[in-house]
Amino acid sequence: MCRGLESLPSTCLERAKELKALFGSFLQKSDHSITCQSKKNEKLRLNVDEPLKWKESLENLLSSPNGLCLFRAFLHSEFSEENIAFYLACEDYRETKNSKLAAKAKKIYDEFIGSDAPREVNLDHVTKAITKQNMEHPNQSCFNLAKAKIYTLMEKDCYPRFLKSTAYLELSRKTG
């Protein structure tokens, strides 16, 4: 999972260096503020065809640890990382135990949706109202509508810009 460096142990700093070598100049612009942490803590490897699969769909990009990290670094460099952060928080939320749903739902809502949210995502008034109503009885699907709207936004806006970015084009040229 990609995270800000301030919350990561030193092994993740090593992973940032691996990513810099893997993704080159793009992460230099981000000053290593984003890094990836694999679930099994293995070394990062980029398959030759991986960047080509990312071009097929946003889903392919997000399902690849390397793709997700590069996409997140790209969004961070464009000051729009809140969309992917919200999407990932919703994905994580769906796996939450029932006993912790209410607390986690409130945290996500307060961080991304509420009127004073520090990382507010761009949602229409109706979606915000429905999500707020869902907060009265939190369950695994209470953020589904908002998550779908943000996914669509990323798919139609951020993802095409990512595919045109120097970082992606250089990487796909080097591996393709």
Protein backbone atom coordinates (compact mmCIF):
# COMPACT_ATOMS: atom_id res chain seq x y z
CA MET A 1 0.00 0.00 0.00
CA CYS A 2 1.24 3.50 -0.72
CA ARG A 3 1.50 5.88 2.18
CA GLY A 4 3.20 9.12 3.13
CA LEU A 5 6.75 8.64 4.40
CA GLU A 6 6.13 10.33 7.72
CA SER A 7 4.17 7.27 8.89
CA LEU A 8 6.51 4.59 7.53
CA PRO A 9 9.36 2.62 9.08
CA SER A 10 12.88 2.83 7.66
CA THR A 11 12.41 -0.29 5.50
CA CYS A 12 9.88 1.70 3.53
CA LEU A 13 12.48 4.37 2.90
CA GLU A 14 14.47 1.65 1.18
CA ARG A 15 11.38 0.84 -0.88
CA ALA A 16 11.20 4.51 -1.90
CA LYS A 17 14.73 4.19 -3.24
CA GLU A 18 13.72 1.06 -5.15
CA LEU A 19 10.78 2.95 -6.63
CA LYS A 20 13.01 5.84 -7.60
CA ALA A 21 15.19 3.42 -9.51
CA LEU A 22 12.13 1.74 -10.98
CA PHE A 23 10.13 4.85 -11.88
CA GLY A 24 13.00 7.27 -12.46
CA SER A 25 12.53 11.01 -12.66
CA PHE A 26 8.83 11.02 -11.83
CA LEU A 27 9.37 10.20 -8.19
CA GLN A 28 12.20 12.71 -7.97
CA LYS A 29 9.59 15.40 -8.57
CA SER A 30 7.55 13.97 -5.68
CA ASP A 31 10.61 14.05 -3.40
CA HIS A 32 9.88 10.47 -2.29
CA SER A 33 6.81 11.55 -0.32
CA ILE A 34 4.97 8.47 -1.58
CA THR A 35 6.24 4.94 -1.36
CA CYS A 36 4.87 1.45 -1.67
CA GLN A 37 4.77 -1.28 0.86
CA SER A 38 4.02 -4.72 -0.42
CA LYS A 39 2.00 -7.11 1.72
CA LYS A 40 4.80 -9.68 1.84
CA ASN A 41 7.60 -7.09 1.99
CA GLU A 42 9.18 -8.55 -1.14
CA LYS A 43 11.37 -6.61 -3.54
CA LEU A 44 9.54 -4.60 -6.15
CA ARG A 45 9.69 -6.00 -9.65
CA LEU A 46 8.15 -4.57 -12.76
CA ASN A 47 7.04 -7.08 -15.39
CA VAL A 48 7.76 -5.93 -18.92
CA ASP A 49 4.08 -5.99 -19.92
CA GLU A 50 2.78 -4.42 -16.70
CA PRO A 51 2.64 -0.78 -17.91
CA LEU A 52 0.82 -1.92 -21.05
CA LYS A 53 -1.86 -3.60 -18.91
CA TRP A 54 -2.30 -0.36 -16.96
CA LYS A 55 -3.30 1.34 -20.19
CA GLU A 56 -6.18 -1.12 -20.69
CA SER A 57 -8.19 0.06 -17.68
CA LEU A 58 -8.08 1.94 -14.42
CA GLU A 59 -8.95 -1.33 -12.69
CA ASN A 60 -5.78 -2.95 -14.07
CA LEU A 61 -3.74 0.02 -12.88
CA LEU A 62 -5.22 -0.05 -9.37
CA SER A 63 -4.89 -3.83 -9.03
CA SER A 64 -1.14 -3.65 -9.67
CA PRO A 65 0.93 -2.67 -6.61
CA ASN A 66 3.44 -0.89 -8.84
CA GLY A 67 0.71 0.74 -10.90
CA LEU A 68 -1.17 1.90 -7.83
CA CYS A 69 1.94 3.39 -6.32
CA LEU A 70 2.93 5.22 -9.50
CA PHE A 71 -0.65 6.48 -9.97
CA ARG A 72 -0.75 7.66 -6.38
CA ALA A 73 2.60 9.43 -6.78
CA PHE A 74 1.25 11.06 -9.95
CA LEU A 75 -1.87 12.29 -8.13
CA HIS A 76 0.28 13.53 -5.27
CA SER A 77 2.40 15.53 -7.70
CA GLU A 78 -0.80 17.10 -9.05
CA PHE A 79 -2.15 17.85 -5.56
CA SER A 80 -5.15 15.56 -6.07
CA GLU A 81 -4.22 12.51 -4.04
CA GLU A 82 -7.41 12.73 -1.96
CA ASN A 83 -9.36 10.83 -4.62
CA ILE A 84 -7.22 7.70 -4.54
CA ALA A 85 -6.83 7.98 -0.76
CA PHE A 86 -10.63 8.01 -0.39
CA TYR A 87 -11.03 5.13 -2.82
CA LEU A 88 -8.46 3.03 -0.93
CA ALA A 89 -10.03 3.94 2.42
CA CYS A 90 -13.38 2.68 1.08
CA GLU A 91 -11.79 -0.53 -0.15
CA ASP A 92 -10.25 -1.07 3.27
CA TYR A 93 -13.54 -0.17 4.97
CA ARG A 94 -15.39 -2.96 3.16
CA GLU A 95 -13.13 -5.46 4.95
CA THR A 96 -13.75 -3.95 8.40
CA LYS A 97 -15.28 -6.04 11.18
CA ASN A 98 -18.83 -5.03 12.13
CA SER A 99 -17.72 -3.98 15.61
CA LYS A 100 -15.42 -1.31 14.14
CA LEU A 101 -17.61 -0.04 11.29
CA ALA A 102 -19.09 2.99 13.05
CA ALA A 103 -15.73 4.40 14.19
CA LYS A 104 -14.05 3.78 10.86
CA ALA A 105 -17.01 5.20 8.90
CA LYS A 106 -16.89 8.39 10.97
CA LYS A 107 -13.16 8.72 10.39
CA ILE A 108 -13.56 8.35 6.59
CA TYR A 109 -16.52 10.71 6.49
CA ASP A 110 -14.74 13.35 8.57
CA GLU A 111 -11.56 13.13 6.52
CA PHE A 112 -13.05 13.07 3.02
CA ILE A 113 -16.72 14.04 2.89
CA GLY A 114 -17.75 16.29 5.78
CA SER A 115 -18.08 20.03 5.27
CA ASP A 116 -14.76 20.74 7.00
CA ALA A 117 -12.97 17.62 5.71
CA PRO A 118 -9.21 18.24 5.42
CA ARG A 119 -9.00 16.06 2.28
CA GLU A 120 -12.45 16.70 0.86
CA VAL A 121 -13.27 14.81 -2.33
CA ASN A 122 -15.37 16.35 -5.09
CA LEU A 123 -18.88 14.93 -4.63
CA ASP A 124 -22.20 16.39 -5.63
CA HIS A 125 -24.66 17.50 -2.95
CA VAL A 126 -27.01 14.53 -3.46
CA THR A 127 -24.21 11.98 -3.05
CA LYS A 128 -22.99 13.73 0.09
CA ALA A 129 -26.53 13.75 1.51
CA ILE A 130 -27.06 10.05 0.80
CA THR A 131 -23.68 9.18 2.31
CA LYS A 132 -24.45 11.28 5.39
CA GLN A 133 -27.77 9.45 5.75
CA ASN A 134 -25.96 6.11 5.41
CA MET A 135 -23.77 7.14 8.33
CA GLU A 136 -26.75 6.79 10.67
CA HIS A 137 -26.48 2.99 10.34
CA PRO A 138 -23.00 2.24 8.97
CA ASN A 139 -22.51 -0.99 7.07
CA GLN A 140 -19.94 -2.26 4.55
CA SER A 141 -21.78 -0.55 1.69
CA CYS A 142 -22.46 2.90 3.16
CA PHE A 143 -19.74 4.52 0.99
CA ASN A 144 -20.51 2.60 -2.22
CA LEU A 145 -22.20 5.50 -4.03
CA ALA A 146 -19.49 8.02 -3.10
CA LYS A 147 -16.76 5.53 -3.97
CA ALA A 148 -18.35 4.86 -7.36
CA LYS A 149 -18.55 8.61 -8.09
CA ILE A 150 -14.88 9.11 -7.19
CA TYR A 151 -13.85 6.06 -9.24
CA THR A 152 -15.70 7.51 -12.24
CA LEU A 153 -14.05 10.88 -11.68
CA MET A 154 -10.61 9.26 -11.59
CA GLU A 155 -11.44 7.14 -14.64
CA LYS A 156 -12.57 10.12 -16.72
CA ASP A 157 -10.10 12.75 -15.48
CA CYS A 158 -7.03 11.58 -13.52
CA TYR A 159 -6.45 8.28 -15.32
CA PRO A 160 -6.29 9.77 -18.86
CA ARG A 161 -3.90 12.48 -17.60
CA PHE A 162 -1.77 9.77 -15.97
CA LEU A 163 -1.58 7.86 -19.28
CA LYS A 164 -0.32 11.05 -20.96
CA SER A 165 2.18 11.83 -18.20
CA THR A 166 5.89 11.81 -18.91
CA ALA A 167 6.41 9.24 -16.16
CA TYR A 168 4.01 6.71 -17.63
CA LEU A 169 5.11 7.31 -21.22
CA GLU A 170 8.80 6.91 -20.29
CA LEU A 171 8.11 3.78 -18.28
CA SER A 172 5.99 2.18 -20.99
CA ARG A 173 8.63 3.04 -23.60
CA LYS A 174 11.40 1.50 -21.47
CA THR A 175 9.45 -1.69 -20.80
CA GLY A 176 7.55 -2.01 -24.09
